[in-house]
Amino acid sequence: MNAAAAPLSKTPYAAFLKAEVAPPSEAAQAAIAAGPYPPHLFPPLERAPSLVARRNAEVPTGFALRPDGEVRVFDRTPMPGVSPEMWTWWFGWHGDAPGRYQLWHPKAHVAAVWVDGAGDTGAYLGRESHITEYLGGQKVRGSIRFVPPAELGIDEAQLKARGEICICGRIGPQFPKADIGWLVHHVYPTSAEAGAQSSEMQSYFWLAGPHLAARSGGAWRTSALRAFAKLTGAARQIDPAALLAHCSEEMAHLATILPGLYAEYGPKGAASPSTEKEIAQ
């Protein structure tokens, strides 16, 4: 399941590969061992603006299952030496080639590509990314449509004033074209000592249940999709423990190499990755 070797060996940023990935955080491991929490401890999507504004997730790491089939997964990751703007840059940069995506989690990530075919534009908002990765032992081909935080009612002016960012996206399978939920990665500074800023990332996933929606065909198709999911128990195919473990691993792993990548390939870096010729897997 190690997806990294061939593409990464042909890229100039192979030096940033850290093949070993640390296990999930102690908090994530404890949450997985504990199993589902009571759903009321995990606020619904509609509370995203207040969760972001107050940084007040009562249970920052864990998951809950609701009777309607909805799955909620939260995870908090400390990121020493990482600034929020590094993450803004990363989400625009990483989706252009398999090797870049594999740096994020060398043991689970396979490939990422922008659906619009525009390549490395430096932007991610308004774009759709197709990703291939492993969650636990299951290979997943997913789609993420990145949207502005304001689409979820999050105050973008407040984010900017506080030096924070929110990466927001509608997620689903590549086929059939449907949405199964939402993700929000809220990155906020926690300290700035000797010029080196540190941050935390609070991640939220709201999946299945009322978040299932067809991308075409109107309300009737969405209703049919939800009825089918309820009848077949499709929500049970989402493994919240595997998602929590994966999120904990990938976010902490990337945080260890992101400052170096940003210094080399970011806005003030000397490298010019737009001219790379990489072999797709």
C-alpha atoms as a PDB file:
ATOM      1  CA  MET A   1       0.000   0.000   0.000  1.00  0.00           C
ATOM      2  CA  ASN A   2       3.039   2.295  -0.216  1.00  0.00           C
ATOM      3  CA  ALA A   3       2.107   4.565  -3.109  1.00  0.00           C
ATOM      4  CA  ALA A   4       5.125   6.834  -3.141  1.00  0.00           C
ATOM      5  CA  ALA A   5       8.235   5.446  -4.778  1.00  0.00           C
ATOM      6  CA  ALA A   6       7.985   5.770  -8.565  1.00  0.00           C
ATOM      7  CA  PRO A   7       6.489   9.262  -9.097  1.00  0.00           C
ATOM      8  CA  LEU A   8       8.338  10.842  -6.197  1.00  0.00           C
ATOM      9  CA  SER A   9      11.699   9.528  -7.366  1.00  0.00           C
ATOM     10  CA  LYS A  10      11.289  11.616 -10.525  1.00  0.00           C
ATOM     11  CA  THR A  11      10.446  14.916  -8.852  1.00  0.00           C
ATOM     12  CA  PRO A  12      12.758  17.606  -7.500  1.00  0.00           C
ATOM     13  CA  TYR A  13      10.937  17.550  -4.173  1.00  0.00           C
ATOM     14  CA  ALA A  14      11.709  13.878  -3.490  1.00  0.00           C
ATOM     15  CA  ALA A  15      14.018  15.126  -0.730  1.00  0.00           C
ATOM     16  CA  PHE A  16      10.927  16.040   1.277  1.00  0.00           C
ATOM     17  CA  LEU A  17       9.649  12.468   1.325  1.00  0.00           C
ATOM     18  CA  LYS A  18       9.354  11.013   4.821  1.00  0.00           C
ATOM     19  CA  ALA A  19       8.358   7.447   4.096  1.00  0.00           C
ATOM     20  CA  GLU A  20       7.479   6.598   7.680  1.00  0.00           C
ATOM     21  CA  VAL A  21       4.186   7.976   8.931  1.00  0.00           C
ATOM     22  CA  ALA A  22       3.592   8.289  12.654  1.00  0.00           C
ATOM     23  CA  PRO A  23       0.486   6.618  14.086  1.00  0.00           C
ATOM     24  CA  PRO A  24      -2.591   8.699  14.897  1.00  0.00           C
ATOM     25  CA  SER A  25      -2.313  11.122  17.784  1.00  0.00           C
ATOM     26  CA  GLU A  26      -2.934   9.887  21.309  1.00  0.00           C
ATOM     27  CA  ALA A  27      -6.234  11.780  21.305  1.00  0.00           C
ATOM     28  CA  ALA A  28      -7.322  10.094  18.053  1.00  0.00           C
ATOM     29  CA  GLN A  29      -6.286   6.655  19.320  1.00  0.00           C
ATOM     30  CA  ALA A  30      -8.228   7.190  22.531  1.00  0.00           C
ATOM     31  CA  ALA A  31     -11.300   8.334  20.590  1.00  0.00           C
ATOM     32  CA  ILE A  32     -11.131   5.324  18.285  1.00  0.00           C
ATOM     33  CA  ALA A  33     -10.834   2.981  21.264  1.00  0.00           C
ATOM     34  CA  ALA A  34     -13.786   4.681  22.973  1.00  0.00           C
ATOM     35  CA  GLY A  35     -16.054   4.310  19.953  1.00  0.00           C
ATOM     36  CA  PRO A  36     -18.908   6.651  19.011  1.00  0.00           C
ATOM     37  CA  TYR A  37     -19.633   9.572  21.307  1.00  0.00           C
ATOM     38  CA  PRO A  38     -23.182  10.814  21.995  1.00  0.00           C
ATOM     39  CA  PRO A  39     -24.233  12.759  18.882  1.00  0.00           C
ATOM     40  CA  HIS A  40     -25.195  15.906  20.813  1.00  0.00           C
ATOM     41  CA  LEU A  41     -21.503  16.492  21.584  1.00  0.00           C
ATOM     42  CA  PHE A  42     -20.804  17.048  17.877  1.00  0.00           C
ATOM     43  CA  PRO A  43     -22.677  20.114  16.594  1.00  0.00           C
ATOM     44  CA  PRO A  44     -24.333  19.954  13.160  1.00  0.00           C
ATOM     45  CA  LEU A  45     -23.108  21.611   9.975  1.00  0.00           C
ATOM     46  CA  GLU A  46     -25.328  24.612  10.666  1.00  0.00           C
ATOM     47  CA  ARG A  47     -23.131  25.391  13.682  1.00  0.00           C
ATOM     48  CA  ALA A  48     -19.950  25.573  11.596  1.00  0.00           C
ATOM     49  CA  PRO A  49     -19.820  29.405  11.763  1.00  0.00           C
ATOM     50  CA  SER A  50     -19.906  29.430  15.574  1.00  0.00           C
ATOM     51  CA  LEU A  51     -17.468  26.507  15.865  1.00  0.00           C
ATOM     52  CA  VAL A  52     -14.998  28.444  13.728  1.00  0.00           C
ATOM     53  CA  ALA A  53     -15.618  31.808  15.390  1.00  0.00           C
ATOM     54  CA  ARG A  54     -15.180  30.454  18.918  1.00  0.00           C
ATOM     55  CA  ARG A  55     -12.818  27.496  18.304  1.00  0.00           C
ATOM     56  CA  ASN A  56     -15.086  25.727  20.758  1.00  0.00           C
ATOM     57  CA  ALA A  57     -15.592  22.115  19.701  1.00  0.00           C
ATOM     58  CA  GLU A  58     -16.579  20.441  22.979  1.00  0.00           C
ATOM     59  CA  VAL A  59     -14.996  17.198  21.775  1.00  0.00           C
ATOM     60  CA  PRO A  60     -12.231  18.255  19.371  1.00  0.00           C
ATOM     61  CA  THR A  61     -11.276  14.688  18.413  1.00  0.00           C
ATOM     62  CA  GLY A  62     -13.757  11.858  18.014  1.00  0.00           C
ATOM     63  CA  PHE A  63     -16.813  10.775  16.050  1.00  0.00           C
ATOM     64  CA  ALA A  64     -20.546  10.284  16.404  1.00  0.00           C
ATOM     65  CA  LEU A  65     -23.248   8.362  14.526  1.00  0.00           C
ATOM     66  CA  ARG A  66     -26.772   9.730  14.249  1.00  0.00           C
ATOM     67  CA  PRO A  67     -29.997   7.719  13.840  1.00  0.00           C
ATOM     68  CA  ASP A  68     -30.613   9.269  10.403  1.00  0.00           C
ATOM     69  CA  GLY A  69     -27.335   7.789   9.116  1.00  0.00           C
ATOM     70  CA  GLU A  70     -25.235  10.938   9.455  1.00  0.00           C
ATOM     71  CA  VAL A  71     -21.590  10.505  10.478  1.00  0.00           C
ATOM     72  CA  ARG A  72     -19.686  13.318  12.199  1.00  0.00           C
ATOM     73  CA  VAL A  73     -15.909  13.179  12.617  1.00  0.00           C
ATOM     74  CA  PHE A  74     -13.816  15.887  14.339  1.00  0.00           C
ATOM     75  CA  ASP A  75     -10.044  16.011  14.752  1.00  0.00           C
ATOM     76  CA  ARG A  76      -7.620  18.572  16.186  1.00  0.00           C
ATOM     77  CA  THR A  77      -3.945  18.601  15.153  1.00  0.00           C
ATOM     78  CA  PRO A  78      -1.178  20.766  16.696  1.00  0.00           C
ATOM     79  CA  MET A  79       1.225  22.133  14.064  1.00  0.00           C
ATOM     80  CA  PRO A  80       4.462  23.565  15.464  1.00  0.00           C
ATOM     81  CA  GLY A  81       6.267  25.876  13.061  1.00  0.00           C
ATOM     82  CA  VAL A  82       3.373  25.979  10.590  1.00  0.00           C
ATOM     83  CA  SER A  83       1.425  29.125   9.660  1.00  0.00           C
ATOM     84  CA  PRO A  84      -2.101  29.237   8.208  1.00  0.00           C
ATOM     85  CA  GLU A  85      -0.889  30.766   4.938  1.00  0.00           C
ATOM     86  CA  MET A  86       1.235  27.674   4.351  1.00  0.00           C
ATOM     87  CA  TRP A  87      -1.966  25.657   4.207  1.00  0.00           C
ATOM     88  CA  THR A  88      -3.599  28.081   1.778  1.00  0.00           C
ATOM     89  CA  TRP A  89      -0.608  27.613  -0.511  1.00  0.00           C
ATOM     90  CA  TRP A  90      -0.548  23.834  -0.035  1.00  0.00           C
ATOM     91  CA  PHE A  91      -4.153  23.311  -1.099  1.00  0.00           C
ATOM     92  CA  GLY A  92      -3.490  25.185  -4.323  1.00  0.00           C
ATOM     93  CA  TRP A  93      -0.196  23.385  -4.996  1.00  0.00           C
ATOM     94  CA  HIS A  94      -0.610  19.758  -3.982  1.00  0.00           C
ATOM     95  CA  GLY A  95      -3.376  18.724  -6.384  1.00  0.00           C
ATOM     96  CA  ASP A  96      -1.398  18.986  -9.613  1.00  0.00           C
ATOM     97  CA  ALA A  97       0.534  15.697  -9.585  1.00  0.00           C
ATOM     98  CA  PRO A  98       0.538  12.317  -7.824  1.00  0.00           C
ATOM     99  CA  GLY A  99       3.965  12.897  -6.250  1.00  0.00           C
ATOM    100  CA  ARG A 100       2.834  16.024  -4.463  1.00  0.00           C
ATOM    101  CA  TYR A 101      -0.228  14.309  -3.044  1.00  0.00           C
ATOM    102  CA  GLN A 102       1.859  11.346  -1.912  1.00  0.00           C
ATOM    103  CA  LEU A 103       4.122  13.591   0.157  1.00  0.00           C
ATOM    104  CA  TRP A 104       1.076  14.239   2.334  1.00  0.00           C
ATOM    105  CA  HIS A 105       0.662  10.586   3.346  1.00  0.00           C
ATOM    106  CA  PRO A 106       3.166   8.295   1.572  1.00  0.00           C
ATOM    107  CA  LYS A 107       1.504   5.106   2.792  1.00  0.00           C
ATOM    108  CA  ALA A 108      -2.081   5.943   1.825  1.00  0.00           C
ATOM    109  CA  HIS A 109      -2.185   8.610  -0.902  1.00  0.00           C
ATOM    110  CA  VAL A 110      -2.052   7.524  -4.533  1.00  0.00           C
ATOM    111  CA  ALA A 111      -2.972  10.467  -6.775  1.00  0.00           C
ATOM    112  CA  ALA A 112      -4.724  13.819  -7.060  1.00  0.00           C
ATOM    113  CA  VAL A 113      -5.672  15.734 -10.192  1.00  0.00           C
ATOM    114  CA  TRP A 114      -7.647  18.895 -10.952  1.00  0.00           C
ATOM    115  CA  VAL A 115     -10.744  18.050 -12.988  1.00  0.00           C
ATOM    116  CA  ASP A 116     -10.576  21.298 -14.967  1.00  0.00           C
ATOM    117  CA  GLY A 117      -7.225  20.263 -16.450  1.00  0.00           C
ATOM    118  CA  ALA A 118      -5.758  23.696 -15.716  1.00  0.00           C
ATOM    119  CA  GLY A 119      -2.929  22.274 -13.634  1.00  0.00           C
ATOM    120  CA  ASP A 120      -0.988  24.338 -11.114  1.00  0.00           C
ATOM    121  CA  THR A 121      -2.720  27.718 -11.077  1.00  0.00           C
ATOM    122  CA  GLY A 122      -1.920  28.374  -7.430  1.00  0.00           C
ATOM    123  CA  ALA A 123      -5.651  28.376  -6.608  1.00  0.00           C
ATOM    124  CA  TYR A 124      -8.083  25.804  -5.266  1.00  0.00           C
ATOM    125  CA  LEU A 125     -11.332  27.701  -4.644  1.00  0.00           C
ATOM    126  CA  GLY A 126     -14.037  26.917  -7.180  1.00  0.00           C
ATOM    127  CA  ARG A 127     -12.129  23.856  -8.423  1.00  0.00           C
ATOM    128  CA  GLU A 128     -12.778  20.137  -8.151  1.00  0.00           C
ATOM    129  CA  SER A 129     -10.067  17.648  -7.237  1.00  0.00           C
ATOM    130  CA  HIS A 130     -10.228  13.915  -7.888  1.00  0.00           C
ATOM    131  CA  ILE A 131      -8.243  11.972  -5.321  1.00  0.00           C
ATOM    132  CA  THR A 132      -7.321   8.320  -4.951  1.00  0.00           C
ATOM    133  CA  GLU A 133      -6.268   7.104  -1.530  1.00  0.00           C
ATOM    134  CA  TYR A 134      -6.655   4.353   1.053  1.00  0.00           C
ATOM    135  CA  LEU A 135      -8.835   4.723   4.128  1.00  0.00           C
ATOM    136  CA  GLY A 136      -7.848   1.805   6.282  1.00  0.00           C
ATOM    137  CA  GLY A 137      -7.624  -1.039   3.803  1.00  0.00           C
ATOM    138  CA  GLN A 138     -10.209   0.360   1.386  1.00  0.00           C
ATOM    139  CA  LYS A 139      -9.204   2.133  -1.802  1.00  0.00           C
ATOM    140  CA  VAL A 140     -11.307   5.255  -2.276  1.00  0.00           C
ATOM    141  CA  ARG A 141     -11.755   7.372  -5.396  1.00  0.00           C
ATOM    142  CA  GLY A 142     -13.137  10.634  -4.143  1.00  0.00           C
ATOM    143  CA  SER A 143     -14.080  14.090  -5.323  1.00  0.00           C
ATOM    144  CA  ILE A 144     -13.659  17.374  -3.436  1.00  0.00           C
ATOM    145  CA  ARG A 145     -15.246  20.596  -4.671  1.00  0.00           C
ATOM    146  CA  PHE A 146     -13.642  23.488  -2.831  1.00  0.00           C
ATOM    147  CA  VAL A 147     -15.998  26.324  -1.889  1.00  0.00           C
ATOM    148  CA  PRO A 148     -15.565  29.677  -0.109  1.00  0.00           C
ATOM    149  CA  PRO A 149     -16.133  29.581   3.672  1.00  0.00           C
ATOM    150  CA  ALA A 150     -18.960  32.079   3.202  1.00  0.00           C
ATOM    151  CA  GLU A 151     -20.968  29.323   1.521  1.00  0.00           C
ATOM    152  CA  LEU A 152     -21.276  27.759   4.972  1.00  0.00           C
ATOM    153  CA  GLY A 153     -21.951  31.111   6.639  1.00  0.00           C
ATOM    154  CA  ILE A 154     -18.412  31.452   8.005  1.00  0.00           C
ATOM    155  CA  ASP A 155     -17.291  35.058   8.451  1.00  0.00           C
ATOM    156  CA  GLU A 156     -14.392  35.486   6.010  1.00  0.00           C
ATOM    157  CA  ALA A 157     -13.611  39.021   7.171  1.00  0.00           C
ATOM    158  CA  GLN A 158     -13.192  37.759  10.715  1.00  0.00           C
ATOM    159  CA  LEU A 159     -10.939  34.940   9.511  1.00  0.00           C
ATOM    160  CA  LYS A 160      -8.710  37.420   7.715  1.00  0.00           C
ATOM    161  CA  ALA A 161      -8.560  39.799  10.673  1.00  0.00           C
ATOM    162  CA  ARG A 162      -7.456  36.958  12.965  1.00  0.00           C
ATOM    163  CA  GLY A 163      -4.941  35.493  10.526  1.00  0.00           C
ATOM    164  CA  GLU A 164      -6.928  32.278  10.144  1.00  0.00           C
ATOM    165  CA  ILE A 165      -8.094  30.200   7.192  1.00  0.00           C
ATOM    166  CA  CYS A 166     -10.859  27.692   6.532  1.00  0.00           C
ATOM    167  CA  ILE A 167     -10.561  25.118   3.778  1.00  0.00           C
ATOM    168  CA  CYS A 168     -14.126  24.090   2.925  1.00  0.00           C
ATOM    169  CA  GLY A 169     -15.295  21.475   0.482  1.00  0.00           C
ATOM    170  CA  ARG A 170     -18.178  19.342  -0.724  1.00  0.00           C
ATOM    171  CA  ILE A 171     -17.048  15.732  -0.897  1.00  0.00           C
ATOM    172  CA  GLY A 172     -18.318  12.633  -2.661  1.00  0.00           C
ATOM    173  CA  PRO A 173     -17.345   9.795  -4.990  1.00  0.00           C
ATOM    174  CA  GLN A 174     -15.956  10.393  -8.467  1.00  0.00           C
ATOM    175  CA  PHE A 175     -18.772   8.220  -9.802  1.00  0.00           C
ATOM    176  CA  PRO A 176     -21.702   8.428  -9.575  1.00  0.00           C
ATOM    177  CA  LYS A 177     -21.662  12.215  -9.396  1.00  0.00           C
ATOM    178  CA  ALA A 178     -23.147  12.896  -5.999  1.00  0.00           C
ATOM    179  CA  ASP A 179     -22.222  14.700  -2.811  1.00  0.00           C
ATOM    180  CA  ILE A 180     -22.072  12.786   0.458  1.00  0.00           C
ATOM    181  CA  GLY A 181     -20.925  15.462   2.866  1.00  0.00           C
ATOM    182  CA  TRP A 182     -18.792  18.430   3.836  1.00  0.00           C
ATOM    183  CA  LEU A 183     -15.325  19.038   5.187  1.00  0.00           C
ATOM    184  CA  VAL A 184     -13.940  22.077   6.989  1.00  0.00           C
ATOM    185  CA  HIS A 185     -10.285  22.430   7.974  1.00  0.00           C
ATOM    186  CA  HIS A 186      -9.935  25.460  10.257  1.00  0.00           C
ATOM    187  CA  VAL A 187      -6.306  26.550  10.734  1.00  0.00           C
ATOM    188  CA  TYR A 188      -5.545  29.234  13.309  1.00  0.00           C
ATOM    189  CA  PRO A 189      -2.288  30.563  14.820  1.00  0.00           C
ATOM    190  CA  THR A 190      -1.516  29.593  18.389  1.00  0.00           C
ATOM    191  CA  SER A 191       1.829  31.330  18.949  1.00  0.00           C
ATOM    192  CA  ALA A 192       4.590  33.270  17.244  1.00  0.00           C
ATOM    193  CA  GLU A 193       7.934  32.930  18.972  1.00  0.00           C
ATOM    194  CA  ALA A 194      11.201  34.161  17.453  1.00  0.00           C
ATOM    195  CA  GLY A 195       9.441  34.661  14.147  1.00  0.00           C
ATOM    196  CA  ALA A 196       8.285  31.030  13.897  1.00  0.00           C
ATOM    197  CA  GLN A 197       4.524  30.742  13.990  1.00  0.00           C
ATOM    198  CA  SER A 198       2.695  27.667  15.207  1.00  0.00           C
ATOM    199  CA  SER A 199      -0.877  26.700  14.507  1.00  0.00           C
ATOM    200  CA  GLU A 200      -3.618  24.188  15.163  1.00  0.00           C
ATOM    201  CA  MET A 201      -5.944  22.619  12.643  1.00  0.00           C
ATOM    202  CA  GLN A 202      -9.455  21.722  13.700  1.00  0.00           C
ATOM    203  CA  SER A 203     -10.991  19.432  11.108  1.00  0.00           C
ATOM    204  CA  TYR A 204     -14.703  18.700  10.765  1.00  0.00           C
ATOM    205  CA  PHE A 205     -16.492  16.160   8.584  1.00  0.00           C
ATOM    206  CA  TRP A 206     -20.269  15.939   8.249  1.00  0.00           C
ATOM    207  CA  LEU A 207     -21.173  12.939   6.104  1.00  0.00           C
ATOM    208  CA  ALA A 208     -24.204  11.017   4.809  1.00  0.00           C
ATOM    209  CA  GLY A 209     -27.735  11.435   6.172  1.00  0.00           C
ATOM    210  CA  PRO A 210     -29.072  14.896   5.244  1.00  0.00           C
ATOM    211  CA  HIS A 211     -25.862  15.752   3.379  1.00  0.00           C
ATOM    212  CA  LEU A 212     -26.434  13.264   0.553  1.00  0.00           C
ATOM    213  CA  ALA A 213     -27.319  15.181  -2.601  1.00  0.00           C
ATOM    214  CA  ALA A 214     -27.389  14.452  -6.315  1.00  0.00           C
ATOM    215  CA  ARG A 215     -25.442  16.911  -8.458  1.00  0.00           C
ATOM    216  CA  SER A 216     -28.090  16.879 -11.204  1.00  0.00           C
ATOM    217  CA  GLY A 217     -31.721  15.939 -11.576  1.00  0.00           C
ATOM    218  CA  GLY A 218     -33.111  18.209  -8.910  1.00  0.00           C
ATOM    219  CA  ALA A 219     -34.823  17.432  -5.622  1.00  0.00           C
ATOM    220  CA  TRP A 220     -36.440  14.209  -6.808  1.00  0.00           C
ATOM    221  CA  ARG A 221     -33.076  12.604  -7.533  1.00  0.00           C
ATOM    222  CA  THR A 222     -31.701  13.699  -4.169  1.00  0.00           C
ATOM    223  CA  SER A 223     -34.762  12.214  -2.455  1.00  0.00           C
ATOM    224  CA  ALA A 224     -34.261   8.962  -4.348  1.00  0.00           C
ATOM    225  CA  LEU A 225     -30.576   8.916  -3.419  1.00  0.00           C
ATOM    226  CA  ARG A 226     -31.319   9.367   0.273  1.00  0.00           C
ATOM    227  CA  ALA A 227     -34.036   6.710   0.198  1.00  0.00           C
ATOM    228  CA  PHE A 228     -31.653   4.280  -1.494  1.00  0.00           C
ATOM    229  CA  ALA A 229     -28.914   5.023   1.035  1.00  0.00           C
ATOM    230  CA  LYS A 230     -31.303   4.442   3.924  1.00  0.00           C
ATOM    231  CA  LEU A 231     -32.640   1.217   2.420  1.00  0.00           C
ATOM    232  CA  THR A 232     -29.214  -0.240   1.708  1.00  0.00           C
ATOM    233  CA  GLY A 233     -27.450   1.104   4.795  1.00  0.00           C
ATOM    234  CA  ALA A 234     -24.919   2.949   2.630  1.00  0.00           C
ATOM    235  CA  ALA A 235     -23.886   5.164   5.547  1.00  0.00           C
ATOM    236  CA  ARG A 236     -22.513   2.086   7.283  1.00  0.00           C
ATOM    237  CA  GLN A 237     -19.916   1.868   4.524  1.00  0.00           C
ATOM    238  CA  ILE A 238     -18.308   5.029   5.919  1.00  0.00           C
ATOM    239  CA  ASP A 239     -15.779   3.963   8.544  1.00  0.00           C
ATOM    240  CA  PRO A 240     -15.487   6.946  10.917  1.00  0.00           C
ATOM    241  CA  ALA A 241     -12.616   5.381  12.852  1.00  0.00           C
ATOM    242  CA  ALA A 242     -10.599   4.913   9.644  1.00  0.00           C
ATOM    243  CA  LEU A 243     -11.347   8.485   8.577  1.00  0.00           C
ATOM    244  CA  LEU A 244     -10.306   9.855  11.968  1.00  0.00           C
ATOM    245  CA  ALA A 245      -7.071   7.847  11.934  1.00  0.00           C
ATOM    246  CA  HIS A 246      -6.271   8.943   8.385  1.00  0.00           C
ATOM    247  CA  CYS A 247      -6.946  12.621   9.087  1.00  0.00           C
ATOM    248  CA  SER A 248      -4.806  12.529  12.220  1.00  0.00           C
ATOM    249  CA  GLU A 249      -1.937  10.856  10.387  1.00  0.00           C
ATOM    250  CA  GLU A 250      -1.928  12.966   7.232  1.00  0.00           C
ATOM    251  CA  MET A 251      -2.279  16.361   8.900  1.00  0.00           C
ATOM    252  CA  ALA A 252       0.439  15.722  11.468  1.00  0.00           C
ATOM    253  CA  HIS A 253       2.729  14.183   8.846  1.00  0.00           C
ATOM    254  CA  LEU A 254       2.453  17.072   6.415  1.00  0.00           C
ATOM    255  CA  ALA A 255       3.004  19.581   9.215  1.00  0.00           C
ATOM    256  CA  THR A 256       6.510  18.150   9.675  1.00  0.00           C
ATOM    257  CA  ILE A 257       7.548  18.921   6.072  1.00  0.00           C
ATOM    258  CA  LEU A 258       5.304  21.846   5.147  1.00  0.00           C
ATOM    259  CA  PRO A 259       7.625  24.652   6.359  1.00  0.00           C
ATOM    260  CA  GLY A 260      10.434  23.314   4.163  1.00  0.00           C
ATOM    261  CA  LEU A 261       8.191  22.802   1.148  1.00  0.00           C
ATOM    262  CA  TYR A 262       6.776  26.296   1.524  1.00  0.00           C
ATOM    263  CA  ALA A 263      10.234  27.841   1.785  1.00  0.00           C
ATOM    264  CA  GLU A 264      11.320  26.057  -1.394  1.00  0.00           C
ATOM    265  CA  TYR A 265       8.184  26.152  -3.565  1.00  0.00           C
ATOM    266  CA  GLY A 266       5.973  28.800  -1.968  1.00  0.00           C
ATOM    267  CA  PRO A 267       5.486  32.386  -3.185  1.00  0.00           C
ATOM    268  CA  LYS A 268       8.967  33.449  -2.049  1.00  0.00           C
ATOM    269  CA  GLY A 269      10.719  30.176  -2.859  1.00  0.00           C
ATOM    270  CA  ALA A 270      13.411  29.864  -5.507  1.00  0.00           C
ATOM    271  CA  ALA A 271      12.039  26.710  -7.191  1.00  0.00           C
ATOM    272  CA  SER A 272       9.623  26.795 -10.116  1.00  0.00           C
ATOM    273  CA  PRO A 273       7.526  23.627  -9.883  1.00  0.00           C
ATOM    274  CA  SER A 274       5.249  24.675 -12.744  1.00  0.00           C
ATOM    275  CA  THR A 275       7.838  23.389 -15.203  1.00  0.00           C
ATOM    276  CA  GLU A 276       8.164  19.922 -13.676  1.00  0.00           C
ATOM    277  CA  LYS A 277       7.488  16.894 -15.819  1.00  0.00           C
ATOM    278  CA  GLU A 278       6.079  14.250 -13.546  1.00  0.00           C
ATOM    279  CA  ILE A 279       5.020  10.708 -14.340  1.00  0.00           C
ATOM    280  CA  ALA A 280       1.423  10.014 -13.383  1.00  0.00           C
ATOM    281  CA  GLN A 281       0.702   6.745 -11.715  1.00  0.00           C
END
